[in-house]
Amino acid sequence: MARILGIEIPNEKRIEASLPYMFGIGRPTAAKILEHAGIDPNIRTGQLSEDQLVRISQVIQAENIIVEGDLRRERQSQLKRLTSINCYRGIRHKRGLPVRGQRTRTNARTRKGKKKTVGVKK
């Protein structure tokens, strides 16, 4: 396993496909990184030299791409801010309901969890 910025990525895949294993890097960003580093996207990760791995990490740092722990912390702080100011989105996050205006009368099971049946008393 090759290590870039302390994150292990798979050796047997193409570098273009293995860079998105890092949280915060998707396919388009991976292609941009490889273009700036001057590395062929079709080469396998295990075939990269130490110099090429260093160039990839330098490009990630030079482009100010936030990855892994820093990105997770930033997203968590944004959610915490929304919930602390009690805005609509923050309240929806707190209650575990869909945040982006989806309907909840039916569907929304992923967000709401297992269906709770409410019985009728006589």
PDB file of N, CA and C in Angstrom:
ATOM      1  N   MET A   1       0.830  -1.183   0.000  1.00  0.00           N
ATOM      2  CA  MET A   1       0.000   0.000   0.000  1.00  0.00           C
ATOM      3  C   MET A   1       0.875   1.247   0.000  1.00  0.00           C
ATOM      4  N   ALA A   2       0.616   2.140  -0.926  1.00  0.00           N
ATOM      5  CA  ALA A   2       1.350   3.405  -0.998  1.00  0.00           C
ATOM      6  C   ALA A   2       0.744   4.389   0.002  1.00  0.00           C
ATOM      7  N   ARG A   3       1.593   5.232   0.581  1.00  0.00           N
ATOM      8  CA  ARG A   3       1.117   6.216   1.556  1.00  0.00           C
ATOM      9  C   ARG A   3       1.316   7.616   0.997  1.00  0.00           C
ATOM     10  N   ILE A   4       0.220   8.380   0.983  1.00  0.00           N
ATOM     11  CA  ILE A   4       0.278   9.791   0.591  1.00  0.00           C
ATOM     12  C   ILE A   4      -0.351  10.583   1.727  1.00  0.00           C
ATOM     13  N   LEU A   5       0.400  11.496   2.306  1.00  0.00           N
ATOM     14  CA  LEU A   5      -0.050  12.324   3.428  1.00  0.00           C
ATOM     15  C   LEU A   5      -0.582  11.481   4.586  1.00  0.00           C
ATOM     16  N   GLY A   6       0.030  10.318   4.814  1.00  0.00           N
ATOM     17  CA  GLY A   6      -0.360   9.461   5.918  1.00  0.00           C
ATOM     18  C   GLY A   6      -1.564   8.583   5.648  1.00  0.00           C
ATOM     19  N   ILE A   7      -2.068   8.570   4.423  1.00  0.00           N
ATOM     20  CA  ILE A   7      -3.226   7.764   4.073  1.00  0.00           C
ATOM     21  C   ILE A   7      -2.782   6.678   3.096  1.00  0.00           C
ATOM     22  N   GLU A   8      -3.150   5.433   3.385  1.00  0.00           N
ATOM     23  CA  GLU A   8      -2.770   4.333   2.509  1.00  0.00           C
ATOM     24  C   GLU A   8      -3.790   4.187   1.393  1.00  0.00           C
ATOM     25  N   ILE A   9      -3.267   4.062   0.158  1.00  0.00           N
ATOM     26  CA  ILE A   9      -4.125   3.865  -1.007  1.00  0.00           C
ATOM     27  C   ILE A   9      -3.708   2.561  -1.687  1.00  0.00           C
ATOM     28  N   PRO A  10      -4.657   1.860  -2.352  1.00  0.00           N
ATOM     29  CA  PRO A  10      -4.362   0.542  -2.913  1.00  0.00           C
ATOM     30  C   PRO A  10      -3.304   0.577  -4.020  1.00  0.00           C
ATOM     31  N   ASN A  11      -2.436  -0.439  -4.029  1.00  0.00           N
ATOM     32  CA  ASN A  11      -1.343  -0.534  -4.999  1.00  0.00           C
ATOM     33  C   ASN A  11      -1.768  -1.084  -6.348  1.00  0.00           C
ATOM     34  N   GLU A  12      -2.753  -1.984  -6.365  1.00  0.00           N
ATOM     35  CA  GLU A  12      -3.065  -2.710  -7.599  1.00  0.00           C
ATOM     36  C   GLU A  12      -3.927  -1.907  -8.574  1.00  0.00           C
ATOM     37  N   LYS A  13      -4.500  -0.781  -8.136  1.00  0.00           N
ATOM     38  CA  LYS A  13      -5.365   0.016  -9.011  1.00  0.00           C
ATOM     39  C   LYS A  13      -4.577   1.118  -9.715  1.00  0.00           C
ATOM     40  N   ARG A  14      -5.192   1.676 -10.775  1.00  0.00           N
ATOM     41  CA  ARG A  14      -4.594   2.836 -11.431  1.00  0.00           C
ATOM     42  C   ARG A  14      -4.578   3.992 -10.438  1.00  0.00           C
ATOM     43  N   ILE A  15      -3.574   4.844 -10.544  1.00  0.00           N
ATOM     44  CA  ILE A  15      -3.436   5.950  -9.590  1.00  0.00           C
ATOM     45  C   ILE A  15      -4.656   6.862  -9.641  1.00  0.00           C
ATOM     46  N   GLU A  16      -5.242   7.008 -10.829  1.00  0.00           N
ATOM     47  CA  GLU A  16      -6.431   7.861 -10.980  1.00  0.00           C
ATOM     48  C   GLU A  16      -7.619   7.288 -10.195  1.00  0.00           C
ATOM     49  N   ALA A  17      -7.677   5.962 -10.066  1.00  0.00           N
ATOM     50  CA  ALA A  17      -8.769   5.315  -9.336  1.00  0.00           C
ATOM     51  C   ALA A  17      -8.454   5.155  -7.858  1.00  0.00           C
ATOM     52  N   SER A  18      -7.189   5.166  -7.479  1.00  0.00           N
ATOM     53  CA  SER A  18      -6.856   4.948  -6.072  1.00  0.00           C
ATOM     54  C   SER A  18      -6.745   6.252  -5.281  1.00  0.00           C
ATOM     55  N   LEU A  19      -6.540   7.386  -5.932  1.00  0.00           N
ATOM     56  CA  LEU A  19      -6.503   8.661  -5.205  1.00  0.00           C
ATOM     57  C   LEU A  19      -7.839   8.999  -4.545  1.00  0.00           C
ATOM     58  N   PRO A  20      -8.999   8.687  -5.179  1.00  0.00           N
ATOM     59  CA  PRO A  20     -10.276   8.974  -4.512  1.00  0.00           C
ATOM     60  C   PRO A  20     -10.530   8.168  -3.240  1.00  0.00           C
ATOM     61  N   TYR A  21      -9.644   7.238  -2.871  1.00  0.00           N
ATOM     62  CA  TYR A  21      -9.770   6.552  -1.590  1.00  0.00           C
ATOM     63  C   TYR A  21      -9.501   7.508  -0.439  1.00  0.00           C
ATOM     64  N   MET A  22      -8.878   8.645  -0.736  1.00  0.00           N
ATOM     65  CA  MET A  22      -8.641   9.666   0.279  1.00  0.00           C
ATOM     66  C   MET A  22      -9.909  10.498   0.417  1.00  0.00           C
ATOM     67  N   PHE A  23     -10.376  10.708   1.641  1.00  0.00           N
ATOM     68  CA  PHE A  23     -11.578  11.482   1.893  1.00  0.00           C
ATOM     69  C   PHE A  23     -11.327  12.931   1.477  1.00  0.00           C
ATOM     70  N   GLY A  24     -12.134  13.444   0.562  1.00  0.00           N
ATOM     71  CA  GLY A  24     -11.983  14.815   0.095  1.00  0.00           C
ATOM     72  C   GLY A  24     -11.460  14.912  -1.323  1.00  0.00           C
ATOM     73  N   ILE A  25     -11.081  13.762  -1.914  1.00  0.00           N
ATOM     74  CA  ILE A  25     -10.606  13.753  -3.298  1.00  0.00           C
ATOM     75  C   ILE A  25     -11.511  12.836  -4.096  1.00  0.00           C
ATOM     76  N   GLY A  26     -12.109  13.392  -5.145  1.00  0.00           N
ATOM     77  CA  GLY A  26     -12.961  12.619  -6.040  1.00  0.00           C
ATOM     78  C   GLY A  26     -12.252  12.397  -7.368  1.00  0.00           C
ATOM     79  N   ARG A  27     -12.963  11.865  -8.334  1.00  0.00           N
ATOM     80  CA  ARG A  27     -12.372  11.587  -9.650  1.00  0.00           C
ATOM     81  C   ARG A  27     -11.846  12.854 -10.338  1.00  0.00           C
ATOM     82  N   PRO A  28     -12.662  13.932 -10.431  1.00  0.00           N
ATOM     83  CA  PRO A  28     -12.161  15.126 -11.133  1.00  0.00           C
ATOM     84  C   PRO A  28     -10.956  15.746 -10.438  1.00  0.00           C
ATOM     85  N   THR A  29     -10.962  15.779  -9.113  1.00  0.00           N
ATOM     86  CA  THR A  29      -9.844  16.349  -8.370  1.00  0.00           C
ATOM     87  C   THR A  29      -8.597  15.495  -8.553  1.00  0.00           C
ATOM     88  N   ALA A  30      -8.760  14.170  -8.581  1.00  0.00           N
ATOM     89  CA  ALA A  30      -7.629  13.271  -8.792  1.00  0.00           C
ATOM     90  C   ALA A  30      -7.001  13.510 -10.160  1.00  0.00           C
ATOM     91  N   ALA A  31      -7.839  13.688 -11.178  1.00  0.00           N
ATOM     92  CA  ALA A  31      -7.324  13.945 -12.522  1.00  0.00           C
ATOM     93  C   ALA A  31      -6.557  15.263 -12.560  1.00  0.00           C
ATOM     94  N   LYS A  32      -7.080  16.276 -11.874  1.00  0.00           N
ATOM     95  CA  LYS A  32      -6.413  17.583 -11.833  1.00  0.00           C
ATOM     96  C   LYS A  32      -5.067  17.492 -11.119  1.00  0.00           C
ATOM     97  N   ILE A  33      -5.025  16.739 -10.016  1.00  0.00           N
ATOM     98  CA  ILE A  33      -3.786  16.573  -9.255  1.00  0.00           C
ATOM     99  C   ILE A  33      -2.724  15.901 -10.110  1.00  0.00           C
ATOM    100  N   LEU A  34      -3.119  14.827 -10.806  1.00  0.00           N
ATOM    101  CA  LEU A  34      -2.160  14.094 -11.634  1.00  0.00           C
ATOM    102  C   LEU A  34      -1.665  14.941 -12.801  1.00  0.00           C
ATOM    103  N   GLU A  35      -2.548  15.769 -13.342  1.00  0.00           N
ATOM    104  CA  GLU A  35      -2.154  16.657 -14.441  1.00  0.00           C
ATOM    105  C   GLU A  35      -1.116  17.671 -13.965  1.00  0.00           C
ATOM    106  N   HIS A  36      -1.347  18.271 -12.797  1.00  0.00           N
ATOM    107  CA  HIS A  36      -0.406  19.244 -12.245  1.00  0.00           C
ATOM    108  C   HIS A  36       0.926  18.591 -11.862  1.00  0.00           C
ATOM    109  N   ALA A  37       0.869  17.333 -11.404  1.00  0.00           N
ATOM    110  CA  ALA A  37       2.085  16.631 -10.999  1.00  0.00           C
ATOM    111  C   ALA A  37       2.838  16.054 -12.197  1.00  0.00           C
ATOM    112  N   GLY A  38       2.167  15.993 -13.354  1.00  0.00           N
ATOM    113  CA  GLY A  38       2.807  15.461 -14.556  1.00  0.00           C
ATOM    114  C   GLY A  38       2.969  13.945 -14.508  1.00  0.00           C
ATOM    115  N   ILE A  39       1.968  13.253 -13.979  1.00  0.00           N
ATOM    116  CA  ILE A  39       2.015  11.799 -13.851  1.00  0.00           C
ATOM    117  C   ILE A  39       0.925  11.188 -14.713  1.00  0.00           C
ATOM    118  N   ASP A  40       1.270  10.102 -15.408  1.00  0.00           N
ATOM    119  CA  ASP A  40       0.318   9.396 -16.262  1.00  0.00           C
ATOM    120  C   ASP A  40      -0.774   8.773 -15.399  1.00  0.00           C
ATOM    121  N   PRO A  41      -2.063   9.080 -15.664  1.00  0.00           N
ATOM    122  CA  PRO A  41      -3.145   8.551 -14.826  1.00  0.00           C
ATOM    123  C   PRO A  41      -3.349   7.042 -14.962  1.00  0.00           C
ATOM    124  N   ASN A  42      -2.790   6.409 -16.019  1.00  0.00           N
ATOM    125  CA  ASN A  42      -2.992   4.980 -16.244  1.00  0.00           C
ATOM    126  C   ASN A  42      -1.974   4.098 -15.538  1.00  0.00           C
ATOM    127  N   ILE A  43      -0.949   4.690 -14.926  1.00  0.00           N
ATOM    128  CA  ILE A  43       0.076   3.914 -14.239  1.00  0.00           C
ATOM    129  C   ILE A  43      -0.499   3.365 -12.935  1.00  0.00           C
ATOM    130  N   ARG A  44      -0.079   2.152 -12.555  1.00  0.00           N
ATOM    131  CA  ARG A  44      -0.535   1.528 -11.318  1.00  0.00           C
ATOM    132  C   ARG A  44       0.145   2.201 -10.124  1.00  0.00           C
ATOM    133  N   THR A  45      -0.551   2.263  -9.012  1.00  0.00           N
ATOM    134  CA  THR A  45      -0.027   2.937  -7.822  1.00  0.00           C
ATOM    135  C   THR A  45       1.247   2.272  -7.325  1.00  0.00           C
ATOM    136  N   GLY A  46       1.313   0.949  -7.412  1.00  0.00           N
ATOM    137  CA  GLY A  46       2.491   0.222  -6.955  1.00  0.00           C
ATOM    138  C   GLY A  46       3.728   0.507  -7.776  1.00  0.00           C
ATOM    139  N   GLN A  47       3.553   1.006  -9.012  1.00  0.00           N
ATOM    140  CA  GLN A  47       4.687   1.280  -9.905  1.00  0.00           C
ATOM    141  C   GLN A  47       5.225   2.699  -9.740  1.00  0.00           C
ATOM    142  N   LEU A  48       4.589   3.514  -8.908  1.00  0.00           N
ATOM    143  CA  LEU A  48       5.051   4.890  -8.713  1.00  0.00           C
ATOM    144  C   LEU A  48       6.336   4.915  -7.895  1.00  0.00           C
ATOM    145  N   SER A  49       7.224   5.829  -8.263  1.00  0.00           N
ATOM    146  CA  SER A  49       8.459   5.985  -7.487  1.00  0.00           C
ATOM    147  C   SER A  49       8.186   6.897  -6.287  1.00  0.00           C
ATOM    148  N   GLU A  50       9.123   6.930  -5.355  1.00  0.00           N
ATOM    149  CA  GLU A  50       8.993   7.810  -4.182  1.00  0.00           C
ATOM    150  C   GLU A  50       8.885   9.265  -4.611  1.00  0.00           C
ATOM    151  N   ASP A  51       9.643   9.631  -5.647  1.00  0.00           N
ATOM    152  CA  ASP A  51       9.633  11.009  -6.152  1.00  0.00           C
ATOM    153  C   ASP A  51       8.245  11.402  -6.644  1.00  0.00           C
ATOM    154  N   GLN A  52       7.584  10.487  -7.357  1.00  0.00           N
ATOM    155  CA  GLN A  52       6.247  10.765  -7.874  1.00  0.00           C
ATOM    156  C   GLN A  52       5.230  10.891  -6.743  1.00  0.00           C
ATOM    157  N   LEU A  53       5.359  10.045  -5.719  1.00  0.00           N
ATOM    158  CA  LEU A  53       4.453  10.136  -4.561  1.00  0.00           C
ATOM    159  C   LEU A  53       4.638  11.470  -3.839  1.00  0.00           C
ATOM    160  N   VAL A  54       5.888  11.910  -3.734  1.00  0.00           N
ATOM    161  CA  VAL A  54       6.169  13.197  -3.098  1.00  0.00           C
ATOM    162  C   VAL A  54       5.574  14.333  -3.919  1.00  0.00           C
ATOM    163  N   ARG A  55       5.689  14.236  -5.262  1.00  0.00           N
ATOM    164  CA  ARG A  55       5.119  15.279  -6.129  1.00  0.00           C
ATOM    165  C   ARG A  55       3.606  15.367  -5.970  1.00  0.00           C
ATOM    166  N   ILE A  56       2.939  14.207  -5.852  1.00  0.00           N
ATOM    167  CA  ILE A  56       1.480  14.197  -5.670  1.00  0.00           C
ATOM    168  C   ILE A  56       1.116  14.895  -4.359  1.00  0.00           C
ATOM    169  N   SER A  57       1.829  14.567  -3.282  1.00  0.00           N
ATOM    170  CA  SER A  57       1.514  15.200  -1.990  1.00  0.00           C
ATOM    171  C   SER A  57       1.822  16.690  -2.014  1.00  0.00           C
ATOM    172  N   GLN A  58       2.856  17.095  -2.737  1.00  0.00           N
ATOM    173  CA  GLN A  58       3.168  18.523  -2.852  1.00  0.00           C
ATOM    174  C   GLN A  58       2.074  19.265  -3.604  1.00  0.00           C
ATOM    175  N   VAL A  59       1.540  18.651  -4.662  1.00  0.00           N
ATOM    176  CA  VAL A  59       0.464  19.283  -5.435  1.00  0.00           C
ATOM    177  C   VAL A  59      -0.787  19.423  -4.565  1.00  0.00           C
ATOM    178  N   ILE A  60      -1.103  18.395  -3.775  1.00  0.00           N
ATOM    179  CA  ILE A  60      -2.277  18.447  -2.895  1.00  0.00           C
ATOM    180  C   ILE A  60      -2.138  19.600  -1.905  1.00  0.00           C
ATOM    181  N   GLN A  61      -0.942  19.767  -1.343  1.00  0.00           N
ATOM    182  CA  GLN A  61      -0.715  20.844  -0.387  1.00  0.00           C
ATOM    183  C   GLN A  61      -0.670  22.205  -1.076  1.00  0.00           C
ATOM    184  N   ALA A  62      -0.095  22.275  -2.282  1.00  0.00           N
ATOM    185  CA  ALA A  62       0.005  23.550  -3.008  1.00  0.00           C
ATOM    186  C   ALA A  62      -1.368  24.047  -3.462  1.00  0.00           C
ATOM    187  N   GLU A  63      -2.247  23.119  -3.830  1.00  0.00           N
ATOM    188  CA  GLU A  63      -3.593  23.484  -4.303  1.00  0.00           C
ATOM    189  C   GLU A  63      -4.550  23.742  -3.142  1.00  0.00           C
ATOM    190  N   ASN A  64      -4.073  23.606  -1.897  1.00  0.00           N
ATOM    191  CA  ASN A  64      -4.895  23.794  -0.693  1.00  0.00           C
ATOM    192  C   ASN A  64      -6.130  22.896  -0.694  1.00  0.00           C
ATOM    193  N   ILE A  65      -5.935  21.635  -1.081  1.00  0.00           N
ATOM    194  CA  ILE A  65      -7.021  20.662  -1.051  1.00  0.00           C
ATOM    195  C   ILE A  65      -7.069  20.077   0.356  1.00  0.00           C
ATOM    196  N   ILE A  66      -8.204  20.246   1.032  1.00  0.00           N
ATOM    197  CA  ILE A  66      -8.356  19.760   2.400  1.00  0.00           C
ATOM    198  C   ILE A  66      -8.788  18.300   2.332  1.00  0.00           C
ATOM    199  N   VAL A  67      -8.053  17.415   3.022  1.00  0.00           N
ATOM    200  CA  VAL A  67      -8.353  15.986   2.968  1.00  0.00           C
ATOM    201  C   VAL A  67      -8.428  15.399   4.366  1.00  0.00           C
ATOM    202  N   GLU A  68      -9.069  14.237   4.454  1.00  0.00           N
ATOM    203  CA  GLU A  68      -9.149  13.400   5.653  1.00  0.00           C
ATOM    204  C   GLU A  68      -9.546  14.135   6.925  1.00  0.00           C
ATOM    205  N   GLY A  69      -8.742  14.104   7.959  1.00  0.00           N
ATOM    206  CA  GLY A  69      -9.114  14.594   9.288  1.00  0.00           C
ATOM    207  C   GLY A  69      -9.494  16.057   9.311  1.00  0.00           C
ATOM    208  N   ASP A  70      -8.739  16.880   8.593  1.00  0.00           N
ATOM    209  CA  ASP A  70      -9.040  18.318   8.568  1.00  0.00           C
ATOM    210  C   ASP A  70     -10.414  18.575   7.957  1.00  0.00           C
ATOM    211  N   LEU A  71     -10.720  17.867   6.873  1.00  0.00           N
ATOM    212  CA  LEU A  71     -12.009  18.036   6.211  1.00  0.00           C
ATOM    213  C   LEU A  71     -13.144  17.538   7.095  1.00  0.00           C
ATOM    214  N   ARG A  72     -12.948  16.402   7.754  1.00  0.00           N
ATOM    215  CA  ARG A  72     -13.977  15.867   8.661  1.00  0.00           C
ATOM    216  C   ARG A  72     -14.240  16.850   9.804  1.00  0.00           C
ATOM    217  N   ARG A  73     -13.154  17.416  10.376  1.00  0.00           N
ATOM    218  CA  ARG A  73     -13.299  18.392  11.467  1.00  0.00           C
ATOM    219  C   ARG A  73     -14.037  19.634  10.995  1.00  0.00           C
ATOM    220  N   GLU A  74     -13.707  20.103   9.791  1.00  0.00           N
ATOM    221  CA  GLU A  74     -14.359  21.307   9.251  1.00  0.00           C
ATOM    222  C   GLU A  74     -15.849  21.072   9.053  1.00  0.00           C
ATOM    223  N   ARG A  75     -16.214  19.921   8.472  1.00  0.00           N
ATOM    224  CA  ARG A  75     -17.626  19.611   8.250  1.00  0.00           C
ATOM    225  C   ARG A  75     -18.372  19.479   9.577  1.00  0.00           C
ATOM    226  N   GLN A  76     -17.716  18.853  10.571  1.00  0.00           N
ATOM    227  CA  GLN A  76     -18.337  18.687  11.884  1.00  0.00           C
ATOM    228  C   GLN A  76     -18.582  20.039  12.541  1.00  0.00           C
ATOM    229  N   SER A  77     -17.623  20.962  12.405  1.00  0.00           N
ATOM    230  CA  SER A  77     -17.794  22.285  13.014  1.00  0.00           C
ATOM    231  C   SER A  77     -18.902  23.071  12.315  1.00  0.00           C
ATOM    232  N   GLN A  78     -19.050  22.880  10.994  1.00  0.00           N
ATOM    233  CA  GLN A  78     -20.136  23.544  10.279  1.00  0.00           C
ATOM    234  C   GLN A  78     -21.493  23.037  10.765  1.00  0.00           C
ATOM    235  N   LEU A  79     -21.608  21.714  10.973  1.00  0.00           N
ATOM    236  CA  LEU A  79     -22.856  21.155  11.496  1.00  0.00           C
ATOM    237  C   LEU A  79     -23.132  21.651  12.903  1.00  0.00           C
ATOM    238  N   LYS A  80     -22.098  21.728  13.723  1.00  0.00           N
ATOM    239  CA  LYS A  80     -22.248  22.198  15.095  1.00  0.00           C
ATOM    240  C   LYS A  80     -22.729  23.641  15.118  1.00  0.00           C
ATOM    241  N   ARG A  81     -22.202  24.457  14.199  1.00  0.00           N
ATOM    242  CA  ARG A  81     -22.624  25.861  14.104  1.00  0.00           C
ATOM    243  C   ARG A  81     -24.100  25.952  13.736  1.00  0.00           C
ATOM    244  N   LEU A  82     -24.539  25.149  12.748  1.00  0.00           N
ATOM    245  CA  LEU A  82     -25.944  25.161  12.336  1.00  0.00           C
ATOM    246  C   LEU A  82     -26.866  24.777  13.478  1.00  0.00           C
ATOM    247  N   THR A  83     -26.483  23.774  14.250  1.00  0.00           N
ATOM    248  CA  THR A  83     -27.340  23.347  15.353  1.00  0.00           C
ATOM    249  C   THR A  83     -27.326  24.349  16.499  1.00  0.00           C
ATOM    250  N   SER A  84     -26.201  25.013  16.714  1.00  0.00           N
ATOM    251  CA  SER A  84     -26.131  25.954  17.842  1.00  0.00           C
ATOM    252  C   SER A  84     -26.927  27.229  17.589  1.00  0.00           C
ATOM    253  N   ILE A  85     -27.024  27.658  16.309  1.00  0.00           N
ATOM    254  CA  ILE A  85     -27.790  28.877  16.034  1.00  0.00           C
ATOM    255  C   ILE A  85     -29.270  28.582  15.803  1.00  0.00           C
ATOM    256  N   ASN A  86     -29.645  27.299  15.911  1.00  0.00           N
ATOM    257  CA  ASN A  86     -31.045  26.867  15.777  1.00  0.00           C
ATOM    258  C   ASN A  86     -31.696  27.312  14.476  1.00  0.00           C
ATOM    259  N   CYS A  87     -30.944  27.237  13.377  1.00  0.00           N
ATOM    260  CA  CYS A  87     -31.557  27.522  12.085  1.00  0.00           C
ATOM    261  C   CYS A  87     -32.328  26.273  11.636  1.00  0.00           C
ATOM    262  N   TYR A  88     -33.103  26.398  10.588  1.00  0.00           N
ATOM    263  CA  TYR A  88     -33.949  25.306  10.129  1.00  0.00           C
ATOM    264  C   TYR A  88     -33.125  24.060   9.839  1.00  0.00           C
ATOM    265  N   ARG A  89     -32.039  24.235   9.093  1.00  0.00           N
ATOM    266  CA  ARG A  89     -31.182  23.089   8.754  1.00  0.00           C
ATOM    267  C   ARG A  89     -30.598  22.442  10.001  1.00  0.00           C
ATOM    268  N   GLY A  90     -30.212  23.246  10.978  1.00  0.00           N
ATOM    269  CA  GLY A  90     -29.660  22.720  12.212  1.00  0.00           C
ATOM    270  C   GLY A  90     -30.673  21.904  12.986  1.00  0.00           C
ATOM    271  N   ILE A  91     -31.923  22.388  13.026  1.00  0.00           N
ATOM    272  CA  ILE A  91     -32.990  21.664  13.717  1.00  0.00           C
ATOM    273  C   ILE A  91     -33.247  20.325  13.026  1.00  0.00           C
ATOM    274  N   ARG A  92     -33.263  20.312  11.695  1.00  0.00           N
ATOM    275  CA  ARG A  92     -33.475  19.069  10.948  1.00  0.00           C
ATOM    276  C   ARG A  92     -32.344  18.081  11.228  1.00  0.00           C
ATOM    277  N   HIS A  93     -31.111  18.568  11.305  1.00  0.00           N
ATOM    278  CA  HIS A  93     -29.976  17.700  11.639  1.00  0.00           C
ATOM    279  C   HIS A  93     -30.154  17.116  13.031  1.00  0.00           C
ATOM    280  N   LYS A  94     -30.550  17.950  13.986  1.00  0.00           N
ATOM    281  CA  LYS A  94     -30.737  17.510  15.366  1.00  0.00           C
ATOM    282  C   LYS A  94     -31.780  16.407  15.464  1.00  0.00           C
ATOM    283  N   ARG A  95     -32.885  16.561  14.731  1.00  0.00           N
ATOM    284  CA  ARG A  95     -33.988  15.604  14.800  1.00  0.00           C
ATOM    285  C   ARG A  95     -33.778  14.381  13.914  1.00  0.00           C
ATOM    286  N   GLY A  96     -32.730  14.405  13.082  1.00  0.00           N
ATOM    287  CA  GLY A  96     -32.457  13.266  12.212  1.00  0.00           C
ATOM    288  C   GLY A  96     -33.413  13.160  11.043  1.00  0.00           C
ATOM    289  N   LEU A  97     -33.877  14.301  10.554  1.00  0.00           N
ATOM    290  CA  LEU A  97     -34.804  14.341   9.426  1.00  0.00           C
ATOM    291  C   LEU A  97     -34.082  14.851   8.190  1.00  0.00           C
ATOM    292  N   PRO A  98     -34.671  14.675   6.982  1.00  0.00           N
ATOM    293  CA  PRO A  98     -34.024  15.192   5.780  1.00  0.00           C
ATOM    294  C   PRO A  98     -33.847  16.705   5.856  1.00  0.00           C
ATOM    295  N   VAL A  99     -32.711  17.192   5.380  1.00  0.00           N
ATOM    296  CA  VAL A  99     -32.344  18.590   5.552  1.00  0.00           C
ATOM    297  C   VAL A  99     -32.696  19.419   4.320  1.00  0.00           C
ATOM    298  N   ARG A 100     -32.737  18.801   3.164  1.00  0.00           N
ATOM    299  CA  ARG A 100     -32.816  19.565   1.916  1.00  0.00           C
ATOM    300  C   ARG A 100     -34.200  19.589   1.277  1.00  0.00           C
ATOM    301  N   GLY A 101     -35.249  19.582   2.095  1.00  0.00           N
ATOM    302  CA  GLY A 101     -36.590  19.798   1.576  1.00  0.00           C
ATOM    303  C   GLY A 101     -37.301  18.577   1.032  1.00  0.00           C
ATOM    304  N   GLN A 102     -36.772  17.378   1.263  1.00  0.00           N
ATOM    305  CA  GLN A 102     -37.450  16.185   0.765  1.00  0.00           C
ATOM    306  C   GLN A 102     -38.706  15.923   1.578  1.00  0.00           C
ATOM    307  N   ARG A 103     -39.644  15.174   0.983  1.00  0.00           N
ATOM    308  CA  ARG A 103     -40.882  14.869   1.685  1.00  0.00           C
ATOM    309  C   ARG A 103     -40.627  13.802   2.745  1.00  0.00           C
ATOM    310  N   THR A 104     -41.415  13.855   3.813  1.00  0.00           N
ATOM    311  CA  THR A 104     -41.228  12.885   4.895  1.00  0.00           C
ATOM    312  C   THR A 104     -42.491  12.095   5.199  1.00  0.00           C
ATOM    313  N   ARG A 105     -43.611  12.450   4.570  1.00  0.00           N
ATOM    314  CA  ARG A 105     -44.840  11.703   4.829  1.00  0.00           C
ATOM    315  C   ARG A 105     -44.666  10.252   4.400  1.00  0.00           C
ATOM    316  N   THR A 106     -44.112  10.048   3.229  1.00  0.00           N
ATOM    317  CA  THR A 106     -43.660   8.721   2.801  1.00  0.00           C
ATOM    318  C   THR A 106     -42.173   8.870   2.509  1.00  0.00           C
ATOM    319  N   ASN A 107     -41.500   7.787   2.352  1.00  0.00           N
ATOM    320  CA  ASN A 107     -40.049   7.779   2.079  1.00  0.00           C
ATOM    321  C   ASN A 107     -39.259   8.328   3.267  1.00  0.00           C
ATOM    322  N   ALA A 108     -38.066   8.800   3.052  1.00  0.00           N
ATOM    323  CA  ALA A 108     -37.162   9.321   4.083  1.00  0.00           C
ATOM    324  C   ALA A 108     -36.781   8.265   5.111  1.00  0.00           C
ATOM    325  N   ARG A 109     -36.885   6.987   4.773  1.00  0.00           N
ATOM    326  CA  ARG A 109     -36.588   5.917   5.716  1.00  0.00           C
ATOM    327  C   ARG A 109     -35.106   5.856   6.060  1.00  0.00           C
ATOM    328  N   THR A 110     -34.244   6.211   5.125  1.00  0.00           N
ATOM    329  CA  THR A 110     -32.813   6.187   5.399  1.00  0.00           C
ATOM    330  C   THR A 110     -32.492   7.139   6.533  1.00  0.00           C
ATOM    331  N   ARG A 111     -33.086   8.290   6.499  1.00  0.00           N
ATOM    332  CA  ARG A 111     -32.806   9.334   7.476  1.00  0.00           C
ATOM    333  C   ARG A 111     -33.563   9.123   8.787  1.00  0.00           C
ATOM    334  N   LYS A 112     -34.833   8.675   8.689  1.00  0.00           N
ATOM    335  CA  LYS A 112     -35.677   8.547   9.878  1.00  0.00           C
ATOM    336  C   LYS A 112     -35.472   7.238  10.624  1.00  0.00           C
ATOM    337  N   GLY A 113     -34.948   6.221   9.967  1.00  0.00           N
ATOM    338  CA  GLY A 113     -34.742   4.936  10.623  1.00  0.00           C
ATOM    339  C   GLY A 113     -35.897   3.991  10.405  1.00  0.00           C
ATOM    340  N   LYS A 114     -35.893   2.887  11.131  1.00  0.00           N
ATOM    341  CA  LYS A 114     -36.918   1.855  10.980  1.00  0.00           C
ATOM    342  C   LYS A 114     -38.294   2.414  11.309  1.00  0.00           C
ATOM    343  N   LYS A 115     -39.286   1.937  10.551  1.00  0.00           N
ATOM    344  CA  LYS A 115     -40.661   2.425  10.689  1.00  0.00           C
ATOM    345  C   LYS A 115     -41.223   2.091  12.066  1.00  0.00           C
ATOM    346  N   LYS A 116     -41.795   3.067  12.727  1.00  0.00           N
ATOM    347  CA  LYS A 116     -42.430   2.867  14.030  1.00  0.00           C
ATOM    348  C   LYS A 116     -43.942   2.895  13.824  1.00  0.00           C
ATOM    349  N   THR A 117     -44.597   1.778  14.016  1.00  0.00           N
ATOM    350  CA  THR A 117     -46.034   1.702  13.825  1.00  0.00           C
ATOM    351  C   THR A 117     -46.744   2.268  15.050  1.00  0.00           C
ATOM    352  N   VAL A 118     -47.726   3.139  14.792  1.00  0.00           N
ATOM    353  CA  VAL A 118     -48.507   3.736  15.872  1.00  0.00           C
ATOM    354  C   VAL A 118     -49.882   3.055  15.859  1.00  0.00           C
ATOM    355  N   GLY A 119     -50.223   2.383  16.938  1.00  0.00           N
ATOM    356  CA  GLY A 119     -51.492   1.666  17.016  1.00  0.00           C
ATOM    357  C   GLY A 119     -52.635   2.569  17.405  1.00  0.00           C
ATOM    358  N   VAL A 120     -53.861   2.144  17.073  1.00  0.00           N
ATOM    359  CA  VAL A 120     -55.061   2.867  17.411  1.00  0.00           C
ATOM    360  C   VAL A 120     -55.696   2.188  18.626  1.00  0.00           C
ATOM    361  N   LYS A 121     -56.020   2.961  19.666  1.00  0.00           N
ATOM    362  CA  LYS A 121     -56.649   2.393  20.865  1.00  0.00           C
ATOM    363  C   LYS A 121     -58.156   2.518  20.764  1.00  0.00           C
ATOM    364  N   LYS A 122     -58.876   1.539  21.313  1.00  0.00           N
ATOM    365  CA  LYS A 122     -60.345   1.595  21.304  1.00  0.00           C
ATOM    366  C   LYS A 122     -60.855   2.016  22.651  1.00  0.00           C
TER     367      LYS A 122
END
